[in-house]
Amino acid sequence: MFDNICKFLAENFSTDFATWLLGEPISLTELSPSELSLEPIRADALILLESAELVLHLEFQTQPDVNIPFRMIDYRLRVYRRFPQKQMRQVVIYLKETSSELVQQNTFSIPGTRHEFEVVRLWEQPTEVFLRYPGLFPLAVLGQTDDRASTLQQVAQEIIGIPDQRLQNNVAAATAILAGLVLEKELIQRVLRRDNMRESVIYQEIEAEAQAKGRAEGRVEGLQEGIRQVAVNLLKSQMLLAEVVRVTGLSIEEVQLLQKEIEGDL
């Protein structure tokens, strides 16, 4: 979920991210991972933005990952193979505070090879930085603040000032989801109006995914229940336990439990 939210923000507010990370409001467009043959390597979480002269590679992480340094050099070489003339900036952005030493790593090093990339730990970044641009509002509550609840209220006031209603709803929804990393759900819903968030593209996508997941889980549960009923019928017909296991695919423990339930009903 957090990968999707950060990807949405980076792609729809690329100028805000460029201003923050690159120091100038460069216009960036999405670069498809397929152009770099990146599908086998966690392409779902990969954020690549490009201009005529530069590629910006972003990785948002909620948890430390020992594989980050290798991914960085791998992406760098793939981009160089495709765009040898372009500069590249690589930034790993850690969302949630941790004491792990992994979030300090900014190099990949093996004998004869060394590659460096940038690391941003949001909890060390001043919240004021994120309150300057709408695309960065959702990151503010994860920044360096002594009172996250108060920061969330400040963000809510800034969001109200966004003139475009759809944009306002999207930023509010992204803020609510990312704030869930550090604040209680009840507080977030009090500060950010839930009815507005429901109108956002982000909220609707997440709701659709949840509904699809629920339907899929319901189908799986229905299938499993059907298999169990078949097993019950076979056991009642005096079929041997081993044969019930073979026919239904259930484990011997599951079949034995069903047998006990049948005997308990008699």
Protein backbone atom coordinates (compact mmCIF):
# COMPACT_ATOMS: atom_id res chain seq x y z
CA MET A 1 0.00 0.00 0.00
CA PHE A 2 2.72 2.49 0.99
CA ASP A 3 4.70 1.75 -2.19
CA ASN A 4 1.61 2.57 -4.26
CA ILE A 5 0.93 5.82 -2.40
CA CYS A 6 4.52 7.04 -2.72
CA LYS A 7 4.59 6.07 -6.38
CA PHE A 8 1.36 7.99 -6.97
CA LEU A 9 2.78 11.09 -5.30
CA ALA A 10 6.13 10.96 -7.11
CA GLU A 11 4.50 10.50 -10.51
CA ASN A 12 1.72 13.07 -10.07
CA PHE A 13 3.80 15.68 -8.24
CA SER A 14 7.14 15.07 -9.92
CA THR A 15 8.03 18.78 -9.99
CA ASP A 16 7.56 19.01 -6.21
CA PHE A 17 9.83 16.01 -5.69
CA ALA A 18 12.40 17.39 -8.12
CA THR A 19 12.43 20.72 -6.28
CA TRP A 20 12.98 18.93 -2.97
CA LEU A 21 15.55 16.37 -4.05
CA LEU A 22 17.25 18.05 -7.00
CA GLY A 23 16.99 21.65 -5.92
CA GLU A 24 15.13 22.86 -9.01
CA PRO A 25 11.62 22.35 -10.43
CA ILE A 26 12.60 20.11 -13.31
CA SER A 27 9.72 18.70 -15.32
CA LEU A 28 9.90 14.91 -15.11
CA THR A 29 7.91 12.16 -16.77
CA GLU A 30 7.50 8.50 -15.86
CA LEU A 31 10.04 6.09 -17.28
CA SER A 32 8.62 2.60 -17.74
CA PRO A 33 10.72 -0.16 -16.12
CA SER A 34 10.05 -2.27 -19.22
CA GLU A 35 12.42 -0.01 -21.14
CA LEU A 36 15.18 -1.22 -18.86
CA SER A 37 14.12 -4.89 -18.68
CA LEU A 38 13.46 -4.46 -14.97
CA GLU A 39 10.34 -6.58 -14.54
CA PRO A 40 12.09 -9.45 -12.74
CA ILE A 41 13.57 -7.14 -10.12
CA ARG A 42 10.84 -5.66 -7.93
CA ALA A 43 9.61 -3.39 -10.69
CA ASP A 44 6.28 -2.87 -8.89
CA ALA A 45 8.01 -0.66 -6.31
CA LEU A 46 10.39 1.03 -8.71
CA ILE A 47 9.90 4.74 -9.39
CA LEU A 48 11.82 6.12 -12.36
CA LEU A 49 11.30 9.67 -13.60
CA GLU A 50 13.19 11.25 -16.45
CA SER A 51 13.90 14.55 -18.14
CA ALA A 52 15.90 15.13 -21.30
CA GLU A 53 19.15 15.06 -19.35
CA LEU A 54 18.49 13.17 -16.12
CA VAL A 55 16.89 10.06 -14.62
CA LEU A 56 15.63 10.25 -11.04
CA HIS A 57 15.36 6.86 -9.35
CA LEU A 58 13.37 6.76 -6.10
CA GLU A 59 12.95 3.89 -3.65
CA PHE A 60 10.55 4.35 -0.73
CA GLN A 61 11.09 1.91 2.14
CA THR A 62 9.03 1.34 5.27
CA GLN A 63 11.46 -1.30 6.54
CA PRO A 64 15.25 -1.68 6.21
CA ASP A 65 16.30 -3.93 3.35
CA VAL A 66 19.71 -5.53 3.08
CA ASN A 67 19.31 -5.80 -0.70
CA ILE A 68 19.01 -2.05 -1.33
CA PRO A 69 22.71 -1.41 -2.20
CA PHE A 70 22.71 -4.15 -4.84
CA ARG A 71 19.44 -2.90 -6.32
CA MET A 72 20.89 0.58 -6.61
CA ILE A 73 23.94 -0.48 -8.61
CA ASP A 74 21.87 -2.85 -10.71
CA TYR A 75 19.41 -0.09 -11.65
CA ARG A 76 22.25 2.33 -12.30
CA LEU A 77 23.91 -0.01 -14.78
CA ARG A 78 20.64 -0.79 -16.54
CA VAL A 79 19.85 2.89 -16.94
CA TYR A 80 23.39 3.55 -18.21
CA ARG A 81 23.02 0.76 -20.77
CA ARG A 82 19.80 2.36 -22.05
CA PHE A 83 20.70 6.05 -21.60
CA PRO A 84 24.50 6.38 -21.39
CA GLN A 85 24.30 10.13 -21.99
CA LYS A 86 21.95 10.88 -19.08
CA GLN A 87 22.87 11.75 -15.52
CA MET A 88 21.22 9.72 -12.78
CA ARG A 89 20.26 10.54 -9.21
CA GLN A 90 19.28 7.66 -6.95
CA VAL A 91 17.55 8.30 -3.65
CA VAL A 92 16.36 5.78 -1.07
CA ILE A 93 13.73 7.36 1.19
CA TYR A 94 13.04 5.60 4.48
CA LEU A 95 9.59 6.42 5.81
CA LYS A 96 9.50 5.03 9.33
CA GLU A 97 12.07 5.63 12.04
CA THR A 98 14.30 2.71 12.95
CA SER A 99 17.61 2.15 14.70
CA SER A 100 18.76 -0.36 12.09
CA GLU A 101 22.19 0.37 10.64
CA LEU A 102 20.88 -0.63 7.22
CA VAL A 103 19.23 2.78 6.79
CA GLN A 104 22.69 4.36 7.00
CA GLN A 105 24.07 2.43 4.04
CA ASN A 106 24.62 4.49 0.91
CA THR A 107 27.20 2.42 -0.95
CA PHE A 108 27.53 -0.88 -2.74
CA SER A 109 31.06 -2.19 -2.54
CA ILE A 110 32.83 -5.31 -3.75
CA PRO A 111 36.53 -5.71 -4.61
CA GLY A 112 37.26 -3.37 -7.48
CA THR A 113 33.77 -1.80 -7.59
CA ARG A 114 32.11 0.91 -5.52
CA HIS A 115 28.80 2.65 -6.16
CA GLU A 116 27.23 5.45 -4.12
CA PHE A 117 23.61 6.56 -3.82
CA GLU A 118 21.69 8.97 -1.62
CA VAL A 119 19.68 8.11 1.48
CA VAL A 120 16.98 10.24 3.08
CA ARG A 121 15.60 9.32 6.50
CA LEU A 122 12.35 11.26 6.74
CA TRP A 123 12.37 11.47 10.54
CA GLU A 124 15.55 13.58 10.24
CA GLN A 125 14.03 16.03 7.72
CA PRO A 126 12.47 19.32 8.94
CA THR A 127 8.71 19.24 8.49
CA GLU A 128 8.82 22.76 7.05
CA VAL A 129 10.38 21.33 3.89
CA PHE A 130 7.29 19.22 3.23
CA LEU A 131 4.81 22.00 3.93
CA ARG A 132 5.99 24.07 0.95
CA TYR A 133 4.57 21.92 -1.82
CA PRO A 134 1.24 20.01 -2.05
CA GLY A 135 2.89 16.83 -3.36
CA LEU A 136 5.04 16.68 -0.23
CA PHE A 137 2.30 17.42 2.34
CA PRO A 138 1.72 13.68 3.02
CA LEU A 139 5.36 13.29 4.11
CA ALA A 140 5.27 16.04 6.73
CA VAL A 141 3.88 13.93 9.56
CA LEU A 142 6.79 11.51 9.06
CA GLY A 143 9.35 14.31 9.33
CA GLN A 144 11.31 15.70 12.27
CA THR A 145 8.62 16.80 14.71
CA ASP A 146 8.00 16.53 18.44
CA ASP A 147 4.22 16.53 17.99
CA ARG A 148 2.97 14.48 15.05
CA ALA A 149 -0.68 15.10 15.88
CA SER A 150 -0.12 18.85 15.73
CA THR A 151 1.81 18.44 12.47
CA LEU A 152 -1.10 16.47 11.00
CA GLN A 153 -3.46 19.30 11.92
CA GLN A 154 -1.11 21.76 10.25
CA VAL A 155 -1.05 19.61 7.12
CA ALA A 156 -4.85 19.45 7.17
CA GLN A 157 -5.00 23.26 7.12
CA GLU A 158 -2.60 23.38 4.19
CA ILE A 159 -4.68 20.80 2.31
CA ILE A 160 -7.82 22.91 2.75
CA GLY A 161 -6.01 25.68 0.92
CA ILE A 162 -5.58 23.59 -2.25
CA PRO A 163 -8.07 25.13 -4.70
CA ASP A 164 -8.58 22.06 -6.88
CA GLN A 165 -11.04 19.74 -5.07
CA ARG A 166 -9.85 16.55 -6.71
CA LEU A 167 -6.23 17.39 -5.94
CA GLN A 168 -7.22 18.23 -2.39
CA ASN A 169 -8.95 14.86 -1.97
CA ASN A 170 -5.97 12.92 -3.35
CA VAL A 171 -3.48 14.69 -1.10
CA ALA A 172 -5.74 14.16 1.93
CA ALA A 173 -6.06 10.44 1.21
CA ALA A 174 -2.30 10.04 0.73
CA THR A 175 -1.69 11.94 3.96
CA ALA A 176 -4.10 9.73 5.88
CA ILE A 177 -2.51 6.52 4.66
CA LEU A 178 1.09 7.55 5.33
CA ALA A 179 0.14 9.02 8.70
CA GLY A 180 -1.04 5.53 9.63
CA LEU A 181 2.62 4.59 10.00
CA VAL A 182 2.94 6.78 13.09
CA LEU A 183 -0.54 7.82 14.31
CA GLU A 184 -3.74 6.13 15.43
CA LYS A 185 -6.54 5.69 12.89
CA GLU A 186 -9.10 7.50 15.05
CA LEU A 187 -6.95 10.61 15.29
CA ILE A 188 -6.31 10.65 11.55
CA GLN A 189 -10.02 10.38 10.77
CA ARG A 190 -10.83 13.20 13.18
CA VAL A 191 -8.34 15.55 11.56
CA LEU A 192 -8.84 14.60 7.92
CA ARG A 193 -12.40 14.44 6.62
CA ARG A 194 -13.17 10.88 5.57
CA ASP A 195 -15.92 11.88 3.14
CA ASN A 196 -13.47 13.97 1.13
CA MET A 197 -10.90 11.19 1.03
CA ARG A 198 -13.46 8.75 -0.35
CA GLU A 199 -13.64 10.89 -3.49
CA SER A 200 -9.92 10.54 -4.18
CA VAL A 201 -8.39 8.32 -6.85
CA ILE A 202 -6.08 6.80 -4.24
CA TYR A 203 -8.89 5.85 -1.87
CA GLN A 204 -10.98 4.36 -4.66
CA GLU A 205 -8.07 2.25 -5.92
CA ILE A 206 -7.34 0.92 -2.44
CA GLU A 207 -11.03 0.23 -1.82
CA ALA A 208 -11.27 -1.61 -5.15
CA GLU A 209 -8.20 -3.70 -4.27
CA ALA A 210 -9.67 -4.52 -0.86
CA GLN A 211 -12.98 -5.57 -2.39
CA ALA A 212 -11.23 -7.72 -4.99
CA LYS A 213 -9.14 -9.32 -2.27
CA GLY A 214 -12.27 -9.95 -0.21
CA ARG A 215 -14.00 -11.59 -3.16
CA ALA A 216 -10.95 -13.74 -3.86
CA GLU A 217 -10.70 -14.78 -0.20
CA GLY A 218 -14.41 -15.55 -0.21
CA ARG A 219 -14.00 -17.80 -3.24
CA VAL A 220 -11.09 -19.59 -1.61
CA GLU A 221 -13.02 -20.05 1.65
CA GLY A 222 -16.02 -21.36 -0.30
CA LEU A 223 -13.84 -23.83 -2.17
CA GLN A 224 -12.18 -25.03 1.01
CA GLU A 225 -15.54 -25.47 2.70
CA GLY A 226 -16.76 -27.47 -0.29
CA ILE A 227 -13.72 -29.75 -0.09
CA ARG A 228 -14.28 -30.28 3.62
CA GLN A 229 -17.91 -31.22 2.98
CA VAL A 230 -16.83 -33.74 0.36
CA ALA A 231 -14.43 -35.23 2.90
CA VAL A 232 -17.22 -35.46 5.48
CA ASN A 233 -19.44 -37.28 3.02
CA LEU A 234 -16.65 -39.71 2.12
CA LEU A 235 -15.91 -40.42 5.78
CA LYS A 236 -19.59 -41.07 6.45
CA SER A 237 -19.54 -43.58 3.59
CA GLN A 238 -16.80 -45.44 5.52
CA MET A 239 -14.00 -44.60 3.09
CA LEU A 240 -10.54 -45.10 4.62
CA LEU A 241 -8.80 -41.98 5.93
CA ALA A 242 -5.86 -42.44 3.56
CA GLU A 243 -8.22 -42.52 0.57
CA VAL A 244 -10.04 -39.38 1.75
CA VAL A 245 -6.66 -37.61 1.98
CA ARG A 246 -5.77 -38.73 -1.54
CA VAL A 247 -9.11 -37.71 -3.07
CA THR A 248 -9.56 -34.32 -1.35
CA GLY A 249 -5.97 -33.16 -0.96
CA LEU A 250 -6.56 -32.39 2.72
CA SER A 251 -3.88 -33.25 5.25
CA ILE A 252 -4.22 -36.34 7.40
CA GLU A 253 -4.59 -34.06 10.44
CA GLU A 254 -7.51 -32.21 8.83
CA VAL A 255 -9.25 -35.45 7.91
CA GLN A 256 -8.74 -36.86 11.39
CA LEU A 257 -10.26 -33.71 12.88
CA LEU A 258 -13.29 -34.05 10.60
CA GLN A 259 -13.59 -37.71 11.65
CA LYS A 260 -13.67 -36.67 15.31
CA GLU A 261 -16.33 -34.04 14.58
CA ILE A 262 -18.47 -36.69 12.86
CA GLU A 263 -18.08 -39.10 15.76
CA GLY A 264 -18.97 -36.31 18.19
CA ASP A 265 -22.24 -35.72 16.35
CA LEU A 266 -23.30 -39.35 16.55
